Amino acid sequence: MIEAAVSGFAAVVAGMAALHQRVHNRVSELDSRMDRFELYAEKNFISRADHAEQMNKIEAHMIRIESKLDTFIQRFPNPS
């Protein structure tokens, strides 16, 4: 009877070890995938502050172009 209990206990321990190993492998895989995604995101995307700064520069250039066009239109009115 004790041999059956020891065998059953060993089987339960082996099953739990296999399950634990499988879960550990999945967690490790997810961790490495997250690390790769974070690195990809860091390399390929800009921050919100940088985007706002670039948009402000573009807006300033557009305002300069608009003022130059306004000046041009005032100097040379439509001939018709």
C-alpha atoms as a PDB file:
ATOM      1  CA  MET A   1       0.000   0.000   0.000  1.00  0.00           C
ATOM      2  CA  ILE A   2       2.798   2.404   0.826  1.00  0.00           C
ATOM      3  CA  GLU A   3       4.428   1.715  -2.560  1.00  0.00           C
ATOM      4  CA  ALA A   4       1.244   2.874  -4.317  1.00  0.00           C
ATOM      5  CA  ALA A   5       1.117   6.039  -2.186  1.00  0.00           C
ATOM      6  CA  VAL A   6       4.776   6.820  -2.930  1.00  0.00           C
ATOM      7  CA  SER A   7       4.223   6.209  -6.660  1.00  0.00           C
ATOM      8  CA  GLY A   8       1.094   8.368  -6.626  1.00  0.00           C
ATOM      9  CA  PHE A   9       2.920  11.128  -4.756  1.00  0.00           C
ATOM     10  CA  ALA A  10       5.831  10.985  -7.205  1.00  0.00           C
ATOM     11  CA  ALA A  11       3.404  11.196 -10.135  1.00  0.00           C
ATOM     12  CA  VAL A  12       1.662  14.225  -8.614  1.00  0.00           C
ATOM     13  CA  VAL A  13       4.994  15.949  -7.951  1.00  0.00           C
ATOM     14  CA  ALA A  14       6.192  15.213 -11.502  1.00  0.00           C
ATOM     15  CA  GLY A  15       2.928  16.516 -12.943  1.00  0.00           C
ATOM     16  CA  MET A  16       3.120  19.702 -10.901  1.00  0.00           C
ATOM     17  CA  ALA A  17       6.771  20.187 -11.900  1.00  0.00           C
ATOM     18  CA  ALA A  18       5.867  19.774 -15.581  1.00  0.00           C
ATOM     19  CA  LEU A  19       2.984  22.240 -15.235  1.00  0.00           C
ATOM     20  CA  HIS A  20       5.204  24.710 -13.402  1.00  0.00           C
ATOM     21  CA  GLN A  21       7.892  24.407 -16.095  1.00  0.00           C
ATOM     22  CA  ARG A  22       5.327  24.984 -18.847  1.00  0.00           C
ATOM     23  CA  VAL A  23       3.915  28.091 -17.147  1.00  0.00           C
ATOM     24  CA  HIS A  24       7.440  29.373 -16.499  1.00  0.00           C
ATOM     25  CA  ASN A  25       8.338  28.950 -20.196  1.00  0.00           C
ATOM     26  CA  ARG A  26       5.209  30.858 -21.268  1.00  0.00           C
ATOM     27  CA  VAL A  27       5.940  33.703 -18.847  1.00  0.00           C
ATOM     28  CA  SER A  28       9.545  33.877 -20.062  1.00  0.00           C
ATOM     29  CA  GLU A  29       8.365  33.950 -23.683  1.00  0.00           C
ATOM     30  CA  LEU A  30       5.885  36.755 -22.947  1.00  0.00           C
ATOM     31  CA  ASP A  31       8.587  38.677 -21.094  1.00  0.00           C
ATOM     32  CA  SER A  32      10.986  38.471 -24.030  1.00  0.00           C
ATOM     33  CA  ARG A  33       8.207  39.482 -26.460  1.00  0.00           C
ATOM     34  CA  MET A  34       7.394  42.521 -24.301  1.00  0.00           C
ATOM     35  CA  ASP A  35      11.069  43.466 -24.225  1.00  0.00           C
ATOM     36  CA  ARG A  36      11.259  43.251 -28.022  1.00  0.00           C
ATOM     37  CA  PHE A  37       8.096  45.353 -28.393  1.00  0.00           C
ATOM     38  CA  GLU A  38       9.389  47.996 -25.987  1.00  0.00           C
ATOM     39  CA  LEU A  39      12.633  48.212 -27.944  1.00  0.00           C
ATOM     40  CA  TYR A  40      10.718  48.436 -31.242  1.00  0.00           C
ATOM     41  CA  ALA A  41       8.442  51.144 -29.855  1.00  0.00           C
ATOM     42  CA  GLU A  42      11.405  53.103 -28.503  1.00  0.00           C
ATOM     43  CA  LYS A  43      13.172  53.000 -31.867  1.00  0.00           C
ATOM     44  CA  ASN A  44      10.212  53.685 -34.169  1.00  0.00           C
ATOM     45  CA  PHE A  45       7.848  56.008 -32.327  1.00  0.00           C
ATOM     46  CA  ILE A  46       8.280  59.528 -31.021  1.00  0.00           C
ATOM     47  CA  SER A  47       7.063  60.899 -27.741  1.00  0.00           C
ATOM     48  CA  ARG A  48       4.002  63.086 -27.445  1.00  0.00           C
ATOM     49  CA  ALA A  49       6.137  66.072 -26.440  1.00  0.00           C
ATOM     50  CA  ASP A  50       8.399  65.681 -29.486  1.00  0.00           C
ATOM     51  CA  HIS A  51       5.356  65.424 -31.752  1.00  0.00           C
ATOM     52  CA  ALA A  52       3.849  68.591 -30.266  1.00  0.00           C
ATOM     53  CA  GLU A  53       7.149  70.429 -30.728  1.00  0.00           C
ATOM     54  CA  GLN A  54       7.397  69.401 -34.377  1.00  0.00           C
ATOM     55  CA  MET A  55       3.784  70.390 -35.026  1.00  0.00           C
ATOM     56  CA  ASN A  56       4.446  73.818 -33.492  1.00  0.00           C
ATOM     57  CA  LYS A  57       7.421  74.285 -35.828  1.00  0.00           C
ATOM     58  CA  ILE A  58       5.318  73.321 -38.842  1.00  0.00           C
ATOM     59  CA  GLU A  59       2.571  75.699 -37.749  1.00  0.00           C
ATOM     60  CA  ALA A  60       5.095  78.539 -37.384  1.00  0.00           C
ATOM     61  CA  HIS A  61       6.365  77.885 -40.906  1.00  0.00           C
ATOM     62  CA  MET A  62       2.826  77.834 -42.281  1.00  0.00           C
ATOM     63  CA  ILE A  63       2.089  81.176 -40.616  1.00  0.00           C
ATOM     64  CA  ARG A  64       5.211  82.658 -42.229  1.00  0.00           C
ATOM     65  CA  ILE A  65       4.141  81.342 -45.637  1.00  0.00           C
ATOM     66  CA  GLU A  66       0.636  82.751 -45.172  1.00  0.00           C
ATOM     67  CA  SER A  67       1.977  86.181 -44.254  1.00  0.00           C
ATOM     68  CA  LYS A  68       4.257  86.187 -47.296  1.00  0.00           C
ATOM     69  CA  LEU A  69       1.325  85.222 -49.518  1.00  0.00           C
ATOM     70  CA  ASP A  70      -0.786  87.991 -47.993  1.00  0.00           C
ATOM     71  CA  THR A  71       1.983  90.492 -48.715  1.00  0.00           C
ATOM     72  CA  PHE A  72       2.309  89.214 -52.277  1.00  0.00           C
ATOM     73  CA  ILE A  73      -1.446  89.461 -52.876  1.00  0.00           C
ATOM     74  CA  GLN A  74      -1.560  93.026 -51.517  1.00  0.00           C
ATOM     75  CA  ARG A  75       1.265  94.136 -53.816  1.00  0.00           C
ATOM     76  CA  PHE A  76      -0.114  92.490 -56.918  1.00  0.00           C
ATOM     77  CA  PRO A  77      -3.900  92.588 -56.856  1.00  0.00           C
ATOM     78  CA  ASN A  78      -5.968  90.514 -59.243  1.00  0.00           C
ATOM     79  CA  PRO A  79      -5.986  92.299 -62.673  1.00  0.00           C
ATOM     80  CA  SER A  80      -9.551  91.341 -63.560  1.00  0.00           C
END
